């Protein structure tokens, strides 16, 4: 991680006051990654999912660089499910994703599982580089598209 990022990156718990900024970051990031999809039309769906499925059960941690929201992670330590790591496009490759992944591992030390779109090669490489292994085929429960299930387990002591 770059020295300037280390100095200015902070992690903190999500609060309800962060909802609009987190949802806008989700929209902007996914729109950048999949420009052929209209994520503006998905914001209401995402807000409903955020409020009903993630906020009640997940630990949500925000990453800030300076005063700007740079990313967030949502993980449910009970199920070990890492639902989202979202990083602002201008922070891609800068260490925010790794800081959030390390936080997810800290919150769920017994392991993590996630689903990643098969065409999201950047994310797949990132997870593999940081200890995740392919754990089978699955389908996204919302879109029905094929995804990879990936898992991380801590090394035995």
Protein backbone atom coordinates (compact mmCIF):
# COMPACT_ATOMS: atom_id res chain seq x y z
CA UNK A 1 0.00 0.00 0.00
CA UNK A 2 1.35 3.43 -0.90
CA UNK A 3 2.71 5.39 2.06
CA UNK A 4 0.42 8.36 1.42
CA UNK A 5 -2.60 6.05 1.39
CA UNK A 6 -1.58 4.42 4.67
CA UNK A 7 -1.43 7.82 6.28
CA UNK A 8 -4.81 8.98 4.96
CA UNK A 9 -6.85 5.73 4.85
CA UNK A 10 -9.19 5.16 7.76
CA UNK A 11 -11.70 2.40 8.39
CA UNK A 12 -14.80 2.99 10.44
CA UNK A 13 -18.16 1.33 11.11
CA UNK A 14 -21.11 2.23 8.91
CA UNK A 15 -23.87 4.40 10.35
CA UNK A 16 -27.33 5.10 8.96
CA UNK A 17 -26.15 8.59 7.99
CA UNK A 18 -23.79 6.93 5.47
CA UNK A 19 -26.56 5.25 3.46
CA UNK A 20 -26.83 7.72 0.57
CA UNK A 21 -23.07 7.97 0.09
CA UNK A 22 -22.63 4.19 0.22
CA UNK A 23 -25.42 3.59 -2.28
CA UNK A 24 -24.08 6.24 -4.64
CA UNK A 25 -20.61 4.69 -4.41
CA UNK A 26 -22.11 1.28 -5.23
CA UNK A 27 -23.93 2.74 -8.28
CA UNK A 28 -20.93 4.66 -9.56
CA UNK A 29 -18.51 1.77 -9.13
CA UNK A 30 -20.67 -0.88 -10.76
CA UNK A 31 -21.53 1.52 -13.61
CA UNK A 32 -17.80 1.99 -14.24
CA UNK A 33 -17.15 -1.77 -14.21
CA UNK A 34 -20.20 -2.72 -16.33
CA UNK A 35 -20.89 0.36 -18.50
CA UNK A 36 -23.35 -1.57 -20.70
CA UNK A 37 -25.77 -1.94 -17.75
CA UNK A 38 -27.95 0.90 -16.45
CA UNK A 39 -27.26 1.00 -12.73
CA UNK A 40 -29.28 4.20 -12.36
CA UNK A 41 -32.37 2.01 -12.83
CA UNK A 42 -31.14 -0.39 -10.14
CA UNK A 43 -30.69 2.12 -7.31
CA UNK A 44 -34.17 1.63 -5.81
CA UNK A 45 -33.70 -2.14 -5.86
CA UNK A 46 -30.24 -1.80 -4.31
CA UNK A 47 -31.49 0.58 -1.59
CA UNK A 48 -34.23 -1.91 -0.66
CA UNK A 49 -31.72 -4.78 -0.60
CA UNK A 50 -29.25 -2.67 1.40
CA UNK A 51 -31.87 -1.88 4.03
CA UNK A 52 -33.53 -5.29 4.25
CA UNK A 53 -30.73 -7.79 3.58
CA UNK A 54 -27.40 -6.20 4.42
CA UNK A 55 -27.79 -3.59 7.16
CA UNK A 56 -29.71 -5.92 9.52
CA UNK A 57 -27.15 -8.76 9.44
CA UNK A 58 -23.84 -7.62 7.99
CA UNK A 59 -20.95 -5.85 9.57
CA UNK A 60 -20.37 -2.89 7.25
CA UNK A 61 -17.09 -1.04 7.36
CA UNK A 62 -16.32 2.09 5.36
CA UNK A 63 -12.93 3.11 4.01
CA UNK A 64 -12.22 6.80 3.77
CA UNK A 65 -9.28 8.53 2.14
CA UNK A 66 -9.13 11.98 3.59
CA UNK A 67 -12.75 13.05 3.85
CA UNK A 68 -13.94 11.02 0.84
CA UNK A 69 -15.68 7.65 0.93
CA UNK A 70 -13.30 5.33 -0.89
CA UNK A 71 -15.03 2.00 -0.37
CA UNK A 72 -16.90 -0.37 1.88
CA UNK A 73 -17.15 -4.03 2.76
CA UNK A 74 -20.17 -5.99 3.97
CA UNK A 75 -19.62 -9.30 5.73
CA UNK A 76 -21.82 -11.53 7.86
CA UNK A 77 -19.51 -13.29 10.35
CA UNK A 78 -22.28 -15.77 11.27
CA UNK A 79 -22.55 -17.14 7.74
CA UNK A 80 -19.00 -16.12 6.69
CA UNK A 81 -20.53 -14.47 3.62
CA UNK A 82 -18.73 -11.50 2.13
CA UNK A 83 -21.45 -9.85 0.04
CA UNK A 84 -19.68 -6.72 -1.17
CA UNK A 85 -16.32 -5.07 -1.48
CA UNK A 86 -16.90 -1.82 -3.32
CA UNK A 87 -14.01 0.52 -4.08
CA UNK A 88 -14.28 3.91 -5.79
CA UNK A 89 -12.85 3.65 -9.32
CA UNK A 90 -10.32 6.40 -8.62
CA UNK A 91 -8.95 4.20 -5.80
CA UNK A 92 -8.65 0.98 -7.84
CA UNK A 93 -5.21 -0.53 -7.39
CA UNK A 94 -4.37 1.78 -4.50
CA UNK A 95 -4.71 -0.52 -1.49
CA UNK A 96 -8.28 0.25 -0.40
CA UNK A 97 -9.61 -3.15 -1.50
CA UNK A 98 -6.87 -4.96 0.40
CA UNK A 99 -7.54 -2.93 3.55
CA UNK A 100 -11.23 -3.82 3.30
CA UNK A 101 -10.50 -7.49 2.64
CA UNK A 102 -8.15 -7.61 5.62
CA UNK A 103 -10.93 -6.09 7.73
CA UNK A 104 -13.39 -8.72 6.48
CA UNK A 105 -10.92 -11.45 7.47
CA UNK A 106 -10.56 -9.85 10.89
CA UNK A 107 -14.37 -9.71 11.33
CA UNK A 108 -14.80 -13.32 10.17
CA UNK A 109 -11.62 -15.10 11.28
CA UNK A 110 -13.08 -18.58 10.75
CA UNK A 111 -13.28 -17.94 7.00
CA UNK A 112 -15.10 -16.16 4.21
CA UNK A 113 -17.14 -17.12 1.17
CA UNK A 114 -18.28 -15.00 -1.72
CA UNK A 115 -19.75 -15.07 -5.19
CA UNK A 116 -17.99 -13.26 -8.02
CA UNK A 117 -19.15 -12.78 -11.59
CA UNK A 118 -17.22 -15.09 -13.91
CA UNK A 119 -16.36 -12.13 -16.16
CA UNK A 120 -14.97 -10.05 -13.28
CA UNK A 121 -11.40 -11.19 -13.93
CA UNK A 122 -9.89 -8.32 -11.93
CA UNK A 123 -11.79 -9.35 -8.79
CA UNK A 124 -11.08 -13.05 -9.30
CA UNK A 125 -7.32 -12.36 -9.56
CA UNK A 126 -7.48 -10.12 -6.48
CA UNK A 127 -9.22 -12.76 -4.37
CA UNK A 128 -6.89 -15.54 -5.55
CA UNK A 129 -3.85 -13.39 -4.78
CA UNK A 130 -5.13 -12.96 -1.22
CA UNK A 131 -5.81 -16.58 -0.35
CA UNK A 132 -9.22 -17.36 -1.83
CA UNK A 133 -9.71 -20.54 -3.81
CA UNK A 134 -12.30 -21.55 -6.35
CA UNK A 135 -15.05 -23.47 -4.53
CA UNK A 136 -17.47 -24.28 -7.35
CA UNK A 137 -20.06 -22.93 -9.72
CA UNK A 138 -23.12 -21.03 -8.63
CA UNK A 139 -25.72 -18.64 -9.99
CA UNK A 140 -26.32 -15.11 -8.85
CA UNK A 141 -29.59 -15.34 -6.91
CA UNK A 142 -30.83 -12.06 -8.42
CA UNK A 143 -29.67 -12.07 -12.05
CA UNK A 144 -29.30 -15.81 -12.59
CA UNK A 145 -25.90 -15.33 -14.26
CA UNK A 146 -23.13 -17.84 -13.67
CA UNK A 147 -20.72 -16.93 -10.88
CA UNK A 148 -17.75 -18.48 -9.15
CA UNK A 149 -18.04 -19.37 -5.50
CA UNK A 150 -14.76 -18.58 -3.76
CA UNK A 151 -13.64 -19.33 -0.23
CA UNK A 152 -10.91 -18.28 2.16
CA UNK A 153 -9.94 -20.24 5.26
CA UNK A 154 -7.26 -19.17 7.71
CA UNK A 155 -4.08 -21.19 7.82
CA UNK A 156 -3.95 -23.69 10.67
CA UNK A 157 -1.96 -22.40 13.61
